[in-house]
N, C-alpha and C. Protein backbone atom coordinates (compact mmCIF):
# COMPACT_ATOMS: atom_id res chain seq x y z
N MET A 1 157.13 44.88 102.12
CA MET A 1 157.15 44.31 103.44
C MET A 1 155.71 44.19 103.95
N SER A 2 155.39 43.05 104.50
CA SER A 2 154.04 42.86 105.02
C SER A 2 153.97 43.29 106.49
N LEU A 3 152.79 43.54 106.92
CA LEU A 3 152.55 43.95 108.30
C LEU A 3 152.56 42.71 109.18
N SER A 4 153.31 42.74 110.26
CA SER A 4 153.37 41.60 111.17
C SER A 4 152.32 41.74 112.27
N MET A 5 151.97 40.62 112.87
CA MET A 5 151.02 40.64 113.98
C MET A 5 151.57 41.46 115.15
N SER A 6 152.87 41.37 115.39
CA SER A 6 153.42 42.15 116.51
C SER A 6 153.39 43.64 116.22
N SER A 7 153.71 44.03 114.99
CA SER A 7 153.70 45.46 114.67
C SER A 7 152.28 46.03 114.59
N ALA A 8 151.32 45.16 114.34
CA ALA A 8 149.92 45.60 114.29
C ALA A 8 149.27 45.61 115.67
N SER A 9 149.95 45.05 116.67
CA SER A 9 149.36 44.96 118.00
C SER A 9 150.13 45.75 119.05
N LEU A 10 151.34 45.35 119.35
CA LEU A 10 152.07 45.93 120.48
C LEU A 10 152.21 47.45 120.41
N PRO A 11 152.75 48.02 119.34
CA PRO A 11 152.90 49.48 119.35
C PRO A 11 151.57 50.23 119.35
N VAL A 12 150.56 49.66 118.74
CA VAL A 12 149.25 50.32 118.72
C VAL A 12 148.66 50.34 120.12
N LEU A 13 148.70 49.19 120.79
CA LEU A 13 148.17 49.12 122.15
C LEU A 13 148.98 49.99 123.11
N GLN A 14 150.29 49.97 122.96
CA GLN A 14 151.14 50.79 123.83
C GLN A 14 150.86 52.28 123.64
N THR A 15 150.70 52.70 122.40
CA THR A 15 150.37 54.10 122.13
C THR A 15 149.04 54.48 122.74
N MET A 16 148.03 53.66 122.54
CA MET A 16 146.71 53.99 123.07
C MET A 16 146.71 54.04 124.60
N LEU A 17 147.43 53.11 125.23
CA LEU A 17 147.48 53.11 126.70
C LEU A 17 148.28 54.29 127.22
N ASN A 18 149.37 54.63 126.57
CA ASN A 18 150.12 55.83 126.97
C ASN A 18 149.27 57.08 126.82
N ASN A 19 148.53 57.18 125.72
CA ASN A 19 147.65 58.33 125.51
C ASN A 19 146.54 58.36 126.55
N LEU A 20 146.03 57.19 126.90
CA LEU A 20 145.00 57.11 127.93
C LEU A 20 145.55 57.59 129.27
N SER A 21 146.76 57.23 129.60
CA SER A 21 147.38 57.71 130.84
C SER A 21 147.50 59.23 130.83
N HIS A 22 147.87 59.78 129.70
CA HIS A 22 147.94 61.24 129.54
C HIS A 22 146.56 61.88 129.76
N ILE A 23 145.54 61.28 129.20
CA ILE A 23 144.17 61.77 129.35
C ILE A 23 143.76 61.74 130.82
N LEU A 24 144.12 60.68 131.52
CA LEU A 24 143.81 60.58 132.94
C LEU A 24 144.54 61.65 133.74
N ALA A 25 145.78 61.93 133.38
CA ALA A 25 146.53 62.98 134.07
C ALA A 25 145.83 64.32 133.92
N LYS A 26 145.30 64.58 132.75
CA LYS A 26 144.56 65.83 132.55
C LYS A 26 143.26 65.84 133.35
N GLY A 27 142.61 64.67 133.45
CA GLY A 27 141.40 64.57 134.27
C GLY A 27 141.69 64.81 135.73
N GLN A 28 142.78 64.25 136.23
CA GLN A 28 143.16 64.44 137.62
C GLN A 28 143.49 65.90 137.90
N ALA A 29 144.25 66.52 137.01
CA ALA A 29 144.60 67.93 137.18
C ALA A 29 143.35 68.81 137.17
N PHE A 30 142.41 68.49 136.30
CA PHE A 30 141.14 69.23 136.23
C PHE A 30 140.39 69.14 137.56
N ALA A 31 140.27 67.92 138.09
CA ALA A 31 139.54 67.73 139.35
C ALA A 31 140.24 68.48 140.49
N GLU A 32 141.56 68.41 140.54
CA GLU A 32 142.31 69.10 141.60
C GLU A 32 142.17 70.61 141.48
N ALA A 33 142.30 71.15 140.27
CA ALA A 33 142.24 72.60 140.07
C ALA A 33 140.86 73.16 140.42
N ARG A 34 139.83 72.38 140.18
CA ARG A 34 138.47 72.86 140.43
C ARG A 34 137.88 72.34 141.74
N LYS A 35 138.71 71.64 142.49
CA LYS A 35 138.30 71.09 143.79
C LYS A 35 137.05 70.21 143.65
N ILE A 36 137.05 69.39 142.61
CA ILE A 36 135.96 68.45 142.34
C ILE A 36 136.33 67.11 142.97
N ASP A 37 135.40 66.48 143.65
CA ASP A 37 135.63 65.14 144.17
C ASP A 37 135.90 64.22 142.98
N PRO A 38 137.08 63.61 142.90
CA PRO A 38 137.42 62.76 141.75
C PRO A 38 136.40 61.63 141.52
N THR A 39 135.75 61.19 142.58
CA THR A 39 134.76 60.11 142.45
C THR A 39 133.65 60.50 141.48
N ALA A 40 133.33 61.78 141.42
CA ALA A 40 132.29 62.23 140.49
C ALA A 40 132.68 61.89 139.05
N LEU A 41 133.96 62.00 138.73
CA LEU A 41 134.43 61.64 137.38
C LEU A 41 134.66 60.14 137.26
N LEU A 42 135.25 59.54 138.27
CA LEU A 42 135.60 58.11 138.20
C LEU A 42 134.37 57.21 138.09
N GLN A 43 133.25 57.67 138.63
CA GLN A 43 132.02 56.86 138.58
C GLN A 43 131.02 57.35 137.53
N TYR A 44 131.40 58.36 136.76
CA TYR A 44 130.50 58.92 135.76
C TYR A 44 130.25 57.94 134.62
N ARG A 45 129.02 57.93 134.13
CA ARG A 45 128.61 57.10 132.98
C ARG A 45 128.03 58.02 131.91
N MET A 46 128.27 57.70 130.66
CA MET A 46 127.68 58.49 129.57
C MET A 46 126.19 58.22 129.44
N ALA A 47 125.76 57.03 129.85
CA ALA A 47 124.35 56.65 129.81
C ALA A 47 124.12 55.68 130.97
N PRO A 48 122.89 55.60 131.46
CA PRO A 48 122.63 54.76 132.63
C PRO A 48 123.03 53.29 132.46
N ASP A 49 122.98 52.78 131.23
CA ASP A 49 123.31 51.37 131.02
C ASP A 49 124.76 51.14 130.59
N MET A 50 125.57 52.19 130.63
CA MET A 50 126.99 52.05 130.30
C MET A 50 127.80 51.90 131.57
N LEU A 51 128.97 51.31 131.43
CA LEU A 51 129.87 51.16 132.57
C LEU A 51 130.51 52.50 132.91
N PRO A 52 130.86 52.70 134.20
CA PRO A 52 131.47 53.96 134.60
C PRO A 52 132.89 54.12 134.09
N PHE A 53 133.40 55.32 134.22
CA PHE A 53 134.74 55.68 133.76
C PHE A 53 135.80 54.67 134.21
N THR A 54 135.82 54.35 135.49
CA THR A 54 136.83 53.43 136.02
C THR A 54 136.83 52.11 135.26
N ARG A 55 135.67 51.56 135.00
CA ARG A 55 135.59 50.28 134.27
C ARG A 55 136.09 50.43 132.83
N GLN A 56 135.90 51.60 132.23
CA GLN A 56 136.41 51.80 130.87
C GLN A 56 137.93 51.63 130.84
N ILE A 57 138.60 52.15 131.86
CA ILE A 57 140.05 52.04 131.93
C ILE A 57 140.46 50.60 132.19
N GLN A 58 139.78 49.96 133.14
CA GLN A 58 140.09 48.57 133.46
C GLN A 58 139.93 47.67 132.24
N ILE A 59 138.86 47.87 131.51
CA ILE A 59 138.60 47.02 130.34
C ILE A 59 139.61 47.31 129.23
N ALA A 60 139.97 48.56 129.01
CA ALA A 60 140.99 48.87 127.99
C ALA A 60 142.30 48.15 128.32
N CYS A 61 142.67 48.15 129.59
CA CYS A 61 143.89 47.44 130.02
C CYS A 61 143.73 45.93 129.86
N ASP A 62 142.60 45.40 130.33
CA ASP A 62 142.39 43.95 130.25
C ASP A 62 142.34 43.46 128.81
N MET A 63 141.65 44.19 127.95
CA MET A 63 141.57 43.78 126.56
C MET A 63 142.95 43.79 125.92
N SER A 64 143.77 44.77 126.26
CA SER A 64 145.12 44.84 125.71
C SER A 64 145.95 43.64 126.15
N LYS A 65 145.98 43.37 127.44
CA LYS A 65 146.84 42.28 127.93
C LYS A 65 146.27 40.92 127.58
N LEU A 66 144.97 40.74 127.70
CA LEU A 66 144.38 39.43 127.38
C LEU A 66 144.43 39.15 125.88
N GLY A 67 144.22 40.19 125.08
CA GLY A 67 144.30 40.00 123.63
C GLY A 67 145.68 39.54 123.22
N VAL A 68 146.71 40.23 123.70
CA VAL A 68 148.09 39.87 123.37
C VAL A 68 148.42 38.48 123.93
N ALA A 69 147.99 38.21 125.15
CA ALA A 69 148.28 36.91 125.77
C ALA A 69 147.67 35.77 124.96
N ARG A 70 146.44 35.93 124.54
CA ARG A 70 145.79 34.87 123.75
C ARG A 70 146.49 34.67 122.41
N ILE A 71 146.85 35.75 121.78
CA ILE A 71 147.54 35.66 120.49
C ILE A 71 148.91 35.00 120.68
N ALA A 72 149.63 35.41 121.71
CA ALA A 72 150.99 34.91 121.94
C ALA A 72 151.01 33.52 122.60
N GLY A 73 149.89 33.10 123.16
CA GLY A 73 149.85 31.82 123.85
C GLY A 73 150.56 31.85 125.19
N VAL A 74 150.47 32.98 125.88
CA VAL A 74 151.09 33.13 127.19
C VAL A 74 150.03 33.52 128.22
N GLU A 75 150.39 33.44 129.47
CA GLU A 75 149.49 33.82 130.55
C GLU A 75 149.58 35.32 130.81
N ALA A 76 148.44 35.95 130.88
CA ALA A 76 148.41 37.38 131.22
C ALA A 76 148.31 37.54 132.72
N PRO A 77 148.88 38.59 133.26
CA PRO A 77 148.72 38.83 134.70
C PRO A 77 147.27 39.18 135.02
N LYS A 78 146.87 38.86 136.24
CA LYS A 78 145.52 39.22 136.69
C LYS A 78 145.65 40.44 137.59
N PHE A 79 144.79 41.40 137.36
CA PHE A 79 144.76 42.61 138.18
C PHE A 79 143.42 42.66 138.90
N ASP A 80 143.47 43.00 140.17
CA ASP A 80 142.23 43.22 140.91
C ASP A 80 141.59 44.51 140.39
N ASP A 81 140.29 44.50 140.31
CA ASP A 81 139.57 45.69 139.87
C ASP A 81 139.24 46.55 141.08
N ASN A 82 140.27 47.11 141.70
CA ASN A 82 140.07 47.86 142.94
C ASN A 82 140.58 49.30 142.86
N GLU A 83 140.78 49.80 141.67
CA GLU A 83 141.28 51.17 141.52
C GLU A 83 140.22 52.17 141.99
N ALA A 84 140.68 53.12 142.82
CA ALA A 84 139.75 54.09 143.40
C ALA A 84 140.19 55.53 143.17
N SER A 85 141.21 55.73 142.35
CA SER A 85 141.69 57.09 142.09
C SER A 85 142.31 57.15 140.70
N PHE A 86 142.54 58.37 140.24
CA PHE A 86 143.23 58.54 138.97
C PHE A 86 144.61 57.91 139.04
N ALA A 87 145.30 58.08 140.16
CA ALA A 87 146.64 57.51 140.32
C ALA A 87 146.59 55.98 140.25
N ASP A 88 145.59 55.39 140.88
CA ASP A 88 145.44 53.93 140.81
C ASP A 88 145.24 53.47 139.37
N LEU A 89 144.40 54.18 138.64
CA LEU A 89 144.11 53.81 137.25
C LEU A 89 145.35 53.98 136.37
N ARG A 90 146.10 55.04 136.60
CA ARG A 90 147.34 55.23 135.85
C ARG A 90 148.34 54.13 136.20
N GLY A 91 148.32 53.68 137.44
CA GLY A 91 149.17 52.56 137.84
C GLY A 91 148.79 51.28 137.11
N ARG A 92 147.50 51.06 136.94
CA ARG A 92 147.04 49.87 136.21
C ARG A 92 147.49 49.95 134.75
N ILE A 93 147.37 51.12 134.16
CA ILE A 93 147.83 51.29 132.79
C ILE A 93 149.33 51.00 132.71
N GLN A 94 150.10 51.50 133.66
CA GLN A 94 151.55 51.28 133.64
C GLN A 94 151.88 49.80 133.82
N LYS A 95 151.17 49.11 134.71
CA LYS A 95 151.40 47.67 134.87
C LYS A 95 151.11 46.92 133.57
N THR A 96 150.08 47.35 132.87
CA THR A 96 149.74 46.72 131.59
C THR A 96 150.84 46.99 130.57
N LEU A 97 151.29 48.24 130.50
CA LEU A 97 152.39 48.58 129.58
C LEU A 97 153.66 47.81 129.92
N ASP A 98 153.96 47.71 131.19
CA ASP A 98 155.15 46.97 131.61
C ASP A 98 155.06 45.51 131.17
N TRP A 99 153.89 44.92 131.32
CA TRP A 99 153.72 43.52 130.92
C TRP A 99 153.80 43.38 129.39
N LEU A 100 153.15 44.26 128.66
CA LEU A 100 153.20 44.20 127.19
C LEU A 100 154.64 44.24 126.70
N ALA A 101 155.49 45.00 127.38
CA ALA A 101 156.89 45.13 126.98
C ALA A 101 157.67 43.82 127.16
N THR A 102 157.12 42.88 127.91
CA THR A 102 157.81 41.61 128.13
C THR A 102 157.47 40.56 127.08
N VAL A 103 156.47 40.82 126.27
CA VAL A 103 156.02 39.83 125.29
C VAL A 103 156.87 39.97 124.03
N PRO A 104 157.64 38.93 123.69
CA PRO A 104 158.50 39.02 122.51
C PRO A 104 157.68 39.04 121.21
N ALA A 105 158.10 39.86 120.28
CA ALA A 105 157.42 39.93 118.97
C ALA A 105 157.35 38.55 118.33
N ALA A 106 158.39 37.76 118.48
CA ALA A 106 158.42 36.43 117.87
C ALA A 106 157.30 35.53 118.38
N GLN A 107 156.84 35.80 119.59
CA GLN A 107 155.75 35.01 120.18
C GLN A 107 154.40 35.35 119.52
N ILE A 108 154.32 36.52 118.91
CA ILE A 108 153.07 36.99 118.31
C ILE A 108 153.08 36.80 116.79
N ASP A 109 154.23 37.02 116.18
CA ASP A 109 154.32 36.92 114.72
C ASP A 109 154.03 35.50 114.25
N GLY A 110 153.34 35.40 113.13
CA GLY A 110 153.01 34.11 112.56
C GLY A 110 151.75 33.49 113.14
N THR A 111 150.99 34.25 113.92
CA THR A 111 149.77 33.71 114.55
C THR A 111 148.50 34.11 113.81
N GLU A 112 148.64 34.58 112.58
CA GLU A 112 147.48 35.06 111.82
C GLU A 112 146.38 34.01 111.73
N ASP A 113 146.74 32.75 111.57
CA ASP A 113 145.74 31.68 111.38
C ASP A 113 145.49 30.86 112.63
N LYS A 114 146.08 31.24 113.73
CA LYS A 114 145.88 30.53 115.00
C LYS A 114 144.43 30.68 115.45
N GLU A 115 143.82 29.57 115.84
CA GLU A 115 142.45 29.61 116.36
C GLU A 115 142.48 30.13 117.79
N ILE A 116 141.72 31.16 118.05
CA ILE A 116 141.66 31.75 119.39
C ILE A 116 140.21 31.70 119.86
N THR A 117 139.99 31.02 120.96
CA THR A 117 138.67 30.95 121.56
C THR A 117 138.70 31.80 122.82
N PHE A 118 137.72 32.65 122.98
CA PHE A 118 137.70 33.61 124.08
C PHE A 118 136.27 33.80 124.57
N PRO A 119 136.14 34.22 125.83
CA PRO A 119 134.79 34.43 126.37
C PRO A 119 134.13 35.67 125.78
N VAL A 120 132.85 35.54 125.57
CA VAL A 120 132.02 36.67 125.11
C VAL A 120 130.83 36.71 126.06
N GLY A 121 130.83 37.68 126.91
CA GLY A 121 129.80 37.72 127.94
C GLY A 121 130.12 36.73 129.05
N ARG A 122 129.12 36.38 129.80
CA ARG A 122 129.34 35.52 130.97
C ARG A 122 129.33 34.03 130.65
N GLU A 123 128.65 33.64 129.58
CA GLU A 123 128.47 32.21 129.35
C GLU A 123 128.86 31.73 127.96
N ALA A 124 129.12 32.62 127.04
CA ALA A 124 129.40 32.22 125.66
C ALA A 124 130.88 32.37 125.34
N THR A 125 131.28 31.69 124.28
CA THR A 125 132.63 31.85 123.75
C THR A 125 132.52 32.09 122.25
N ARG A 126 133.61 32.56 121.71
CA ARG A 126 133.70 32.79 120.27
C ARG A 126 135.09 32.36 119.83
N THR A 127 135.20 31.88 118.62
CA THR A 127 136.49 31.47 118.07
C THR A 127 136.75 32.25 116.80
N MET A 128 137.95 32.82 116.73
CA MET A 128 138.36 33.57 115.55
C MET A 128 139.80 33.23 115.24
N LYS A 129 140.20 33.45 114.01
CA LYS A 129 141.61 33.34 113.64
C LYS A 129 142.35 34.54 114.24
N GLY A 130 143.63 34.36 114.51
CA GLY A 130 144.43 35.37 115.19
C GLY A 130 144.35 36.75 114.57
N GLU A 131 144.50 36.84 113.26
CA GLU A 131 144.48 38.15 112.61
C GLU A 131 143.11 38.81 112.75
N ALA A 132 142.05 38.05 112.54
CA ALA A 132 140.70 38.60 112.67
C ALA A 132 140.43 38.99 114.13
N TYR A 133 140.89 38.18 115.05
CA TYR A 133 140.72 38.49 116.48
C TYR A 133 141.38 39.83 116.82
N LEU A 134 142.59 40.03 116.34
CA LEU A 134 143.29 41.29 116.59
C LEU A 134 142.57 42.46 115.93
N LYS A 135 142.29 42.33 114.64
CA LYS A 135 141.73 43.46 113.88
C LYS A 135 140.27 43.76 114.18
N HIS A 136 139.49 42.73 114.47
CA HIS A 136 138.05 42.92 114.57
C HIS A 136 137.50 42.74 115.98
N TRP A 137 138.37 42.41 116.94
CA TRP A 137 137.90 42.27 118.32
C TRP A 137 138.76 43.07 119.30
N VAL A 138 140.05 42.78 119.35
CA VAL A 138 140.93 43.40 120.35
C VAL A 138 141.05 44.90 120.10
N LEU A 139 141.54 45.29 118.94
CA LEU A 139 141.77 46.72 118.68
C LEU A 139 140.48 47.54 118.75
N PRO A 140 139.38 47.10 118.12
CA PRO A 140 138.15 47.90 118.25
C PRO A 140 137.67 48.03 119.70
N ASN A 141 137.83 46.99 120.50
CA ASN A 141 137.43 47.07 121.91
C ASN A 141 138.29 48.07 122.66
N VAL A 142 139.59 48.03 122.45
CA VAL A 142 140.47 48.99 123.13
C VAL A 142 140.12 50.41 122.70
N PHE A 143 139.96 50.63 121.40
CA PHE A 143 139.61 51.97 120.92
C PHE A 143 138.27 52.43 121.51
N PHE A 144 137.29 51.54 121.59
CA PHE A 144 135.99 51.89 122.15
C PHE A 144 136.11 52.37 123.59
N HIS A 145 136.83 51.62 124.41
CA HIS A 145 136.91 51.96 125.83
C HIS A 145 137.79 53.18 126.08
N VAL A 146 138.84 53.35 125.31
CA VAL A 146 139.66 54.57 125.43
C VAL A 146 138.83 55.78 124.99
N THR A 147 138.11 55.64 123.89
CA THR A 147 137.27 56.73 123.40
C THR A 147 136.19 57.08 124.42
N THR A 148 135.57 56.08 125.00
CA THR A 148 134.52 56.33 125.99
C THR A 148 135.08 57.06 127.20
N ALA A 149 136.26 56.65 127.67
CA ALA A 149 136.90 57.35 128.79
C ALA A 149 137.19 58.80 128.42
N TYR A 150 137.72 59.01 127.23
CA TYR A 150 137.99 60.37 126.72
C TYR A 150 136.70 61.19 126.74
N LEU A 151 135.63 60.61 126.21
CA LEU A 151 134.36 61.35 126.11
C LEU A 151 133.77 61.68 127.48
N ILE A 152 133.91 60.76 128.44
CA ILE A 152 133.40 61.04 129.78
C ILE A 152 134.10 62.27 130.36
N LEU A 153 135.41 62.30 130.25
CA LEU A 153 136.14 63.45 130.78
C LEU A 153 135.83 64.71 130.00
N ARG A 154 135.81 64.61 128.68
CA ARG A 154 135.52 65.77 127.84
C ARG A 154 134.13 66.33 128.14
N HIS A 155 133.16 65.43 128.27
CA HIS A 155 131.78 65.84 128.57
C HIS A 155 131.71 66.58 129.90
N ASN A 156 132.58 66.23 130.83
CA ASN A 156 132.56 66.84 132.16
C ASN A 156 133.46 68.07 132.26
N GLY A 157 133.97 68.55 131.14
CA GLY A 157 134.68 69.81 131.13
C GLY A 157 136.19 69.74 131.05
N VAL A 158 136.76 68.56 131.07
CA VAL A 158 138.22 68.45 130.97
C VAL A 158 138.62 68.90 129.57
N GLU A 159 139.60 69.78 129.50
CA GLU A 159 140.04 70.31 128.21
C GLU A 159 140.89 69.27 127.50
N LEU A 160 140.22 68.52 126.65
CA LEU A 160 140.84 67.49 125.84
C LEU A 160 140.51 67.74 124.39
N GLY A 161 141.43 67.36 123.53
CA GLY A 161 141.19 67.47 122.10
C GLY A 161 141.69 66.22 121.39
N LYS A 162 141.50 66.22 120.12
CA LYS A 162 141.89 65.07 119.29
C LYS A 162 143.37 64.74 119.47
N ALA A 163 144.20 65.76 119.63
CA ALA A 163 145.64 65.52 119.79
C ALA A 163 145.93 64.74 121.08
N ASP A 164 145.15 64.96 122.14
CA ASP A 164 145.33 64.19 123.37
C ASP A 164 145.05 62.71 123.11
N TYR A 165 144.02 62.43 122.35
CA TYR A 165 143.63 61.05 122.03
C TYR A 165 144.67 60.39 121.14
N LEU A 166 145.12 61.12 120.11
CA LEU A 166 146.02 60.51 119.12
C LEU A 166 147.50 60.59 119.48
N ALA A 167 147.91 61.64 120.17
CA ALA A 167 149.35 61.83 120.42
C ALA A 167 149.70 61.89 121.89
N GLY A 168 148.72 61.98 122.77
CA GLY A 168 148.99 62.00 124.20
C GLY A 168 149.92 63.12 124.60
N ALA A 169 150.90 62.80 125.40
CA ALA A 169 151.83 63.81 125.91
C ALA A 169 152.72 64.38 124.81
N GLN A 170 152.80 63.72 123.66
CA GLN A 170 153.62 64.23 122.55
C GLN A 170 152.93 65.34 121.78
N ALA A 171 151.66 65.59 122.11
CA ALA A 171 150.90 66.62 121.37
C ALA A 171 151.45 68.01 121.64
């Protein structure tokens, strides 16, 4: 049996977003238990030229929904980038998961050779075949931003481990 585009995308993205929500719950609990202003974590950057924690979550969600939408040839919902709390960010993740659940596998399967043109930066575009776009653009981007969010919280003392990243609440 060969791997389908839907099985290589939807469950992987859903797992990563669910695990990310779990990681955020631990970050929120950490801030509450230690009476830390959540903004200190939400606006934290690993380096001065990196985006803050909140943007890492927004981009992980956007890459998931936009990647699937482009592959499936459907319109993705637009979310305002106005999250100001852990609860808001978890809500954005849930909205993304809810939308992903509406995309039929049949809409994604068979798109391996579909030409997908997408923005890269503010002024450029790139075109890739569907399978390459999924494997070499969408998934690595989601993993990067989820990992960065994990590292920001871990660096700031939130007790997170590999199991939180890979298994989330099932760990």
